[in-house]
Amino acid sequence: MLPKEEEGRVGAMGVASSLAEVKGLVMDLGGGSMQLTWMIKTRDGQVVLPDRGAVSMPFGAAALTRRLAEARRGGQKAVKALGDEIKSSVTEAYASLDVPDELERKARTEGGFALYLSGGGF
């Protein structure tokens, strides 16, 4: 019912409502799609999300299960191609999010991003 980018924003707000502080990436996994965004929520309740909302990819739990089964029938080469497609899509999605320097620095010093997960697919 919601545009995919807005669906990711709603999922992120669900994360924000559950935790006192959030600084990292948020992934919302449904049956047909997965949305990725970033979020900063301070202890005083201020929430910052990217203007564009989230990036949507066709890798929801049900969709990915189906595609993996199809790839397995095609052999190791097809499974590797699916893995490469997922990695490429997530890399492109991340690059398009314009993650704030504050989160980038935090990820570098802490060995990676905090990842907050939501959605029925998890």
N, C-alpha and C. Protein backbone atom coordinates (compact mmCIF):
# COMPACT_ATOMS: atom_id res chain seq x y z
N MET A 1 0.81 -1.20 0.00
CA MET A 1 0.00 0.00 0.00
C MET A 1 0.86 1.26 0.00
N LEU A 2 1.98 1.22 0.72
CA LEU A 2 2.89 2.37 0.76
C LEU A 2 3.95 2.23 -0.32
N PRO A 3 4.43 3.35 -0.85
CA PRO A 3 5.60 3.25 -1.72
C PRO A 3 6.74 2.61 -0.92
N LYS A 4 7.58 1.84 -1.60
CA LYS A 4 8.64 1.08 -0.91
C LYS A 4 9.55 1.98 -0.07
N GLU A 5 9.88 3.17 -0.57
CA GLU A 5 10.76 4.07 0.18
C GLU A 5 10.11 4.51 1.49
N GLU A 6 8.78 4.72 1.44
CA GLU A 6 8.05 5.12 2.64
C GLU A 6 7.90 3.93 3.60
N GLU A 7 7.76 2.73 3.03
CA GLU A 7 7.68 1.53 3.85
C GLU A 7 8.94 1.39 4.72
N GLY A 8 10.09 1.67 4.12
CA GLY A 8 11.34 1.63 4.88
C GLY A 8 11.39 2.68 5.98
N ARG A 9 10.84 3.85 5.71
CA ARG A 9 10.80 4.91 6.72
C ARG A 9 9.90 4.49 7.89
N VAL A 10 8.78 3.87 7.60
CA VAL A 10 7.87 3.42 8.65
C VAL A 10 8.55 2.34 9.50
N GLY A 11 9.24 1.42 8.85
CA GLY A 11 9.99 0.40 9.59
C GLY A 11 11.04 1.01 10.48
N ALA A 12 11.73 2.01 9.97
CA ALA A 12 12.75 2.70 10.77
C ALA A 12 12.12 3.40 11.98
N MET A 13 10.96 3.97 11.80
CA MET A 13 10.30 4.61 12.93
C MET A 13 9.87 3.59 13.98
N GLY A 14 9.57 2.37 13.55
CA GLY A 14 9.30 1.30 14.49
C GLY A 14 10.52 1.00 15.34
N VAL A 15 11.69 1.00 14.72
CA VAL A 15 12.95 0.81 15.45
C VAL A 15 13.13 1.97 16.43
N ALA A 16 12.92 3.19 15.95
CA ALA A 16 13.11 4.37 16.79
C ALA A 16 12.19 4.34 18.01
N SER A 17 10.97 3.84 17.83
CA SER A 17 10.03 3.82 18.95
C SER A 17 10.38 2.75 19.98
N SER A 18 11.25 1.83 19.62
CA SER A 18 11.61 0.72 20.51
C SER A 18 12.87 0.95 21.31
N LEU A 19 13.69 1.91 20.90
CA LEU A 19 15.00 2.09 21.52
C LEU A 19 15.22 3.56 21.91
N ALA A 20 15.98 3.76 22.96
CA ALA A 20 16.26 5.12 23.44
C ALA A 20 17.21 5.86 22.50
N GLU A 21 18.13 5.13 21.90
CA GLU A 21 19.14 5.76 21.03
C GLU A 21 19.41 4.83 19.86
N VAL A 22 19.51 5.39 18.66
CA VAL A 22 19.80 4.61 17.45
C VAL A 22 20.81 5.40 16.64
N LYS A 23 21.88 4.73 16.24
CA LYS A 23 22.87 5.35 15.35
C LYS A 23 23.42 4.26 14.45
N GLY A 24 22.88 4.19 13.23
CA GLY A 24 23.36 3.16 12.31
C GLY A 24 22.43 2.96 11.15
N LEU A 25 22.52 1.77 10.57
CA LEU A 25 21.70 1.40 9.43
C LEU A 25 20.47 0.65 9.91
N VAL A 26 19.37 0.82 9.18
CA VAL A 26 18.12 0.14 9.50
C VAL A 26 17.70 -0.66 8.28
N MET A 27 17.39 -1.94 8.50
CA MET A 27 16.94 -2.80 7.43
C MET A 27 15.55 -3.34 7.79
N ASP A 28 14.61 -3.17 6.87
CA ASP A 28 13.24 -3.65 7.05
C ASP A 28 13.04 -4.77 6.03
N LEU A 29 12.83 -5.99 6.53
CA LEU A 29 12.69 -7.14 5.65
C LEU A 29 11.27 -7.66 5.70
N GLY A 30 10.61 -7.60 4.56
CA GLY A 30 9.27 -8.16 4.43
C GLY A 30 9.33 -9.43 3.61
N GLY A 31 8.20 -9.81 3.05
CA GLY A 31 8.15 -11.01 2.24
C GLY A 31 8.69 -10.80 0.84
N GLY A 32 8.36 -9.67 0.25
CA GLY A 32 8.76 -9.43 -1.14
C GLY A 32 9.91 -8.47 -1.33
N SER A 33 10.17 -7.64 -0.33
CA SER A 33 11.22 -6.65 -0.51
C SER A 33 11.96 -6.37 0.79
N MET A 34 13.07 -5.69 0.63
CA MET A 34 13.90 -5.28 1.76
C MET A 34 14.24 -3.80 1.55
N GLN A 35 14.12 -3.01 2.61
CA GLN A 35 14.47 -1.60 2.53
C GLN A 35 15.66 -1.34 3.43
N LEU A 36 16.53 -0.45 2.98
CA LEU A 36 17.72 -0.07 3.73
C LEU A 36 17.75 1.44 3.86
N THR A 37 18.03 1.92 5.06
CA THR A 37 18.18 3.35 5.32
C THR A 37 19.15 3.53 6.48
N TRP A 38 19.38 4.77 6.87
CA TRP A 38 20.17 5.06 8.07
C TRP A 38 19.31 5.88 9.00
N MET A 39 19.71 5.88 10.27
CA MET A 39 18.95 6.65 11.26
C MET A 39 19.87 7.09 12.38
N ILE A 40 19.59 8.28 12.86
CA ILE A 40 20.20 8.78 14.09
C ILE A 40 19.05 9.20 14.98
N LYS A 41 18.96 8.59 16.14
CA LYS A 41 17.98 9.00 17.15
C LYS A 41 18.75 9.26 18.43
N THR A 42 18.63 10.47 18.93
CA THR A 42 19.32 10.85 20.15
C THR A 42 18.46 10.54 21.37
N ARG A 43 19.08 10.54 22.53
CA ARG A 43 18.37 10.23 23.77
C ARG A 43 17.23 11.22 24.05
N ASP A 44 17.33 12.43 23.48
CA ASP A 44 16.25 13.41 23.70
C ASP A 44 15.09 13.20 22.72
N GLY A 45 15.15 12.15 21.89
CA GLY A 45 14.04 11.81 21.01
C GLY A 45 14.11 12.37 19.61
N GLN A 46 15.14 13.15 19.28
CA GLN A 46 15.26 13.70 17.93
C GLN A 46 15.63 12.57 16.97
N VAL A 47 14.88 12.44 15.87
CA VAL A 47 15.12 11.40 14.87
C VAL A 47 15.51 12.05 13.55
N VAL A 48 16.61 11.59 12.97
CA VAL A 48 17.04 12.08 11.67
C VAL A 48 17.14 10.88 10.73
N LEU A 49 16.47 11.00 9.58
CA LEU A 49 16.49 10.00 8.52
C LEU A 49 16.84 10.72 7.21
N PRO A 50 17.29 9.99 6.21
CA PRO A 50 17.55 10.66 4.92
C PRO A 50 16.24 11.17 4.31
N ASP A 51 16.34 12.26 3.57
CA ASP A 51 15.16 12.84 2.93
C ASP A 51 14.46 11.86 2.01
N ARG A 52 15.21 11.02 1.35
CA ARG A 52 14.63 10.11 0.37
C ARG A 52 13.93 8.92 1.01
N GLY A 53 14.04 8.77 2.31
CA GLY A 53 13.44 7.62 2.97
C GLY A 53 14.39 6.45 2.95
N ALA A 54 14.03 5.39 2.24
CA ALA A 54 14.84 4.18 2.19
C ALA A 54 15.02 3.74 0.74
N VAL A 55 15.99 2.87 0.54
CA VAL A 55 16.20 2.26 -0.77
C VAL A 55 15.58 0.88 -0.70
N SER A 56 14.76 0.54 -1.67
CA SER A 56 14.09 -0.75 -1.70
C SER A 56 14.77 -1.69 -2.69
N MET A 57 14.88 -2.95 -2.27
CA MET A 57 15.46 -3.99 -3.11
C MET A 57 14.54 -5.21 -3.10
N PRO A 58 14.50 -6.00 -4.17
CA PRO A 58 13.58 -7.14 -4.25
C PRO A 58 14.09 -8.39 -3.54
N PHE A 59 14.55 -8.22 -2.31
CA PHE A 59 15.16 -9.34 -1.59
C PHE A 59 14.44 -9.63 -0.28
N GLY A 60 13.12 -9.63 -0.30
CA GLY A 60 12.36 -10.02 0.88
C GLY A 60 12.53 -11.51 1.15
N ALA A 61 12.10 -11.95 2.31
CA ALA A 61 12.32 -13.33 2.73
C ALA A 61 11.71 -14.34 1.74
N ALA A 62 10.45 -14.15 1.37
CA ALA A 62 9.80 -15.10 0.46
C ALA A 62 10.40 -15.00 -0.94
N ALA A 63 10.63 -13.77 -1.41
CA ALA A 63 11.20 -13.59 -2.74
C ALA A 63 12.59 -14.18 -2.84
N LEU A 64 13.39 -13.98 -1.81
CA LEU A 64 14.76 -14.49 -1.83
C LEU A 64 14.78 -16.01 -1.70
N THR A 65 13.88 -16.58 -0.91
CA THR A 65 13.79 -18.03 -0.79
C THR A 65 13.49 -18.66 -2.15
N ARG A 66 12.54 -18.05 -2.87
CA ARG A 66 12.18 -18.54 -4.20
C ARG A 66 13.34 -18.42 -5.17
N ARG A 67 14.00 -17.26 -5.15
CA ARG A 67 15.12 -17.05 -6.09
C ARG A 67 16.30 -17.95 -5.77
N LEU A 68 16.55 -18.22 -4.50
CA LEU A 68 17.64 -19.11 -4.13
C LEU A 68 17.33 -20.54 -4.59
N ALA A 69 16.09 -20.98 -4.43
CA ALA A 69 15.71 -22.32 -4.89
C ALA A 69 15.91 -22.44 -6.40
N GLU A 70 15.52 -21.39 -7.13
CA GLU A 70 15.72 -21.39 -8.59
C GLU A 70 17.21 -21.43 -8.93
N ALA A 71 18.00 -20.64 -8.23
CA ALA A 71 19.43 -20.59 -8.49
C ALA A 71 20.09 -21.95 -8.20
N ARG A 72 19.68 -22.60 -7.13
CA ARG A 72 20.25 -23.91 -6.80
C ARG A 72 19.99 -24.93 -7.90
N ARG A 73 18.83 -24.84 -8.53
CA ARG A 73 18.54 -25.74 -9.65
C ARG A 73 19.49 -25.47 -10.82
N GLY A 74 19.98 -24.24 -10.89
CA GLY A 74 20.90 -23.87 -11.96
C GLY A 74 22.37 -24.17 -11.64
N GLY A 75 22.65 -24.60 -10.42
CA GLY A 75 24.02 -24.97 -10.05
C GLY A 75 24.77 -23.85 -9.35
N GLN A 76 26.01 -24.17 -9.00
CA GLN A 76 26.86 -23.25 -8.24
C GLN A 76 27.06 -21.91 -8.94
N LYS A 77 27.16 -21.94 -10.25
CA LYS A 77 27.35 -20.69 -11.00
C LYS A 77 26.15 -19.76 -10.82
N ALA A 78 24.95 -20.31 -10.85
CA ALA A 78 23.74 -19.51 -10.68
C ALA A 78 23.63 -18.99 -9.24
N VAL A 79 24.01 -19.82 -8.26
CA VAL A 79 23.98 -19.38 -6.86
C VAL A 79 24.97 -18.24 -6.66
N LYS A 80 26.16 -18.36 -7.23
CA LYS A 80 27.17 -17.30 -7.11
C LYS A 80 26.66 -16.02 -7.78
N ALA A 81 26.01 -16.14 -8.93
CA ALA A 81 25.47 -14.97 -9.64
C ALA A 81 24.43 -14.26 -8.78
N LEU A 82 23.58 -15.03 -8.10
CA LEU A 82 22.59 -14.42 -7.21
C LEU A 82 23.28 -13.70 -6.06
N GLY A 83 24.28 -14.33 -5.47
CA GLY A 83 25.04 -13.68 -4.40
C GLY A 83 25.69 -12.39 -4.87
N ASP A 84 26.26 -12.42 -6.07
CA ASP A 84 26.88 -11.22 -6.63
C ASP A 84 25.85 -10.12 -6.88
N GLU A 85 24.65 -10.51 -7.34
CA GLU A 85 23.57 -9.54 -7.57
C GLU A 85 23.16 -8.87 -6.26
N ILE A 86 23.00 -9.68 -5.22
CA ILE A 86 22.61 -9.13 -3.91
C ILE A 86 23.69 -8.19 -3.39
N LYS A 87 24.93 -8.61 -3.45
CA LYS A 87 26.03 -7.77 -2.97
C LYS A 87 26.09 -6.45 -3.74
N SER A 88 25.95 -6.52 -5.04
CA SER A 88 25.98 -5.31 -5.87
C SER A 88 24.82 -4.38 -5.54
N SER A 89 23.62 -4.94 -5.38
CA SER A 89 22.44 -4.13 -5.08
C SER A 89 22.57 -3.45 -3.73
N VAL A 90 23.03 -4.19 -2.72
CA VAL A 90 23.18 -3.60 -1.39
C VAL A 90 24.27 -2.53 -1.40
N THR A 91 25.36 -2.78 -2.11
CA THR A 91 26.45 -1.80 -2.21
C THR A 91 25.95 -0.52 -2.87
N GLU A 92 25.20 -0.65 -3.96
CA GLU A 92 24.64 0.52 -4.65
C GLU A 92 23.63 1.24 -3.76
N ALA A 93 22.81 0.49 -3.07
CA ALA A 93 21.82 1.10 -2.18
C ALA A 93 22.51 1.92 -1.10
N TYR A 94 23.52 1.33 -0.49
CA TYR A 94 24.27 2.02 0.56
C TYR A 94 24.88 3.31 0.00
N ALA A 95 25.50 3.23 -1.16
CA ALA A 95 26.14 4.40 -1.76
C ALA A 95 25.14 5.52 -2.03
N SER A 96 23.90 5.15 -2.34
CA SER A 96 22.90 6.17 -2.67
C SER A 96 22.28 6.83 -1.44
N LEU A 97 22.55 6.29 -0.26
CA LEU A 97 21.92 6.81 0.95
C LEU A 97 22.57 8.08 1.51
N ASP A 98 23.76 8.43 1.06
CA ASP A 98 24.46 9.59 1.60
C ASP A 98 24.51 9.53 3.13
N VAL A 99 25.12 8.48 3.64
CA VAL A 99 25.23 8.27 5.08
C VAL A 99 26.05 9.42 5.68
N PRO A 100 25.56 10.02 6.75
CA PRO A 100 26.27 11.16 7.35
C PRO A 100 27.68 10.78 7.84
N ASP A 101 28.57 11.77 7.78
CA ASP A 101 29.95 11.57 8.23
C ASP A 101 30.01 11.02 9.66
N GLU A 102 29.12 11.49 10.52
CA GLU A 102 29.10 11.02 11.91
C GLU A 102 28.96 9.49 11.99
N LEU A 103 28.08 8.93 11.17
CA LEU A 103 27.89 7.48 11.18
C LEU A 103 29.05 6.76 10.50
N GLU A 104 29.59 7.35 9.46
CA GLU A 104 30.76 6.77 8.78
C GLU A 104 31.94 6.68 9.74
N ARG A 105 32.20 7.77 10.47
CA ARG A 105 33.32 7.77 11.44
C ARG A 105 33.09 6.72 12.53
N LYS A 106 31.89 6.66 13.03
CA LYS A 106 31.55 5.69 14.07
C LYS A 106 31.79 4.26 13.55
N ALA A 107 31.39 4.00 12.33
CA ALA A 107 31.59 2.66 11.75
C ALA A 107 33.07 2.33 11.59
N ARG A 108 33.85 3.32 11.19
CA ARG A 108 35.30 3.07 11.03
C ARG A 108 35.96 2.78 12.37
N THR A 109 35.60 3.53 13.40
CA THR A 109 36.26 3.33 14.71
C THR A 109 35.75 2.09 15.43
N GLU A 110 34.53 1.66 15.14
CA GLU A 110 33.95 0.52 15.85
C GLU A 110 33.94 -0.77 15.03
N GLY A 111 34.54 -0.72 13.83
CA GLY A 111 34.62 -1.93 13.01
C GLY A 111 33.36 -2.26 12.22
N GLY A 112 32.50 -1.30 12.03
CA GLY A 112 31.30 -1.51 11.23
C GLY A 112 30.11 -0.75 11.80
N PHE A 113 29.03 -0.81 11.06
CA PHE A 113 27.80 -0.13 11.45
C PHE A 113 26.98 -0.99 12.41
N ALA A 114 26.28 -0.32 13.30
CA ALA A 114 25.20 -1.00 14.03
C ALA A 114 24.09 -1.21 13.01
N LEU A 115 23.50 -2.40 12.99
CA LEU A 115 22.42 -2.71 12.07
C LEU A 115 21.18 -3.04 12.87
N TYR A 116 20.12 -2.26 12.66
CA TYR A 116 18.85 -2.44 13.36
C TYR A 116 17.88 -3.09 12.38
N LEU A 117 17.24 -4.18 12.80
CA LEU A 117 16.40 -4.96 11.91
C LEU A 117 14.94 -4.88 12.32
N SER A 118 14.07 -4.83 11.33
CA SER A 118 12.63 -4.86 11.60
C SER A 118 11.94 -5.59 10.46
N GLY A 119 10.70 -5.95 10.70
CA GLY A 119 9.90 -6.57 9.67
C GLY A 119 9.64 -8.04 9.91
N GLY A 120 8.54 -8.51 9.34
CA GLY A 120 8.13 -9.89 9.50
C GLY A 120 9.07 -10.90 8.87
N GLY A 121 9.87 -10.49 7.89
CA GLY A 121 10.80 -11.40 7.25
C GLY A 121 11.92 -11.85 8.16
N PHE A 122 12.18 -11.07 9.22
CA PHE A 122 13.22 -11.48 10.16
C PHE A 122 12.66 -12.43 11.17
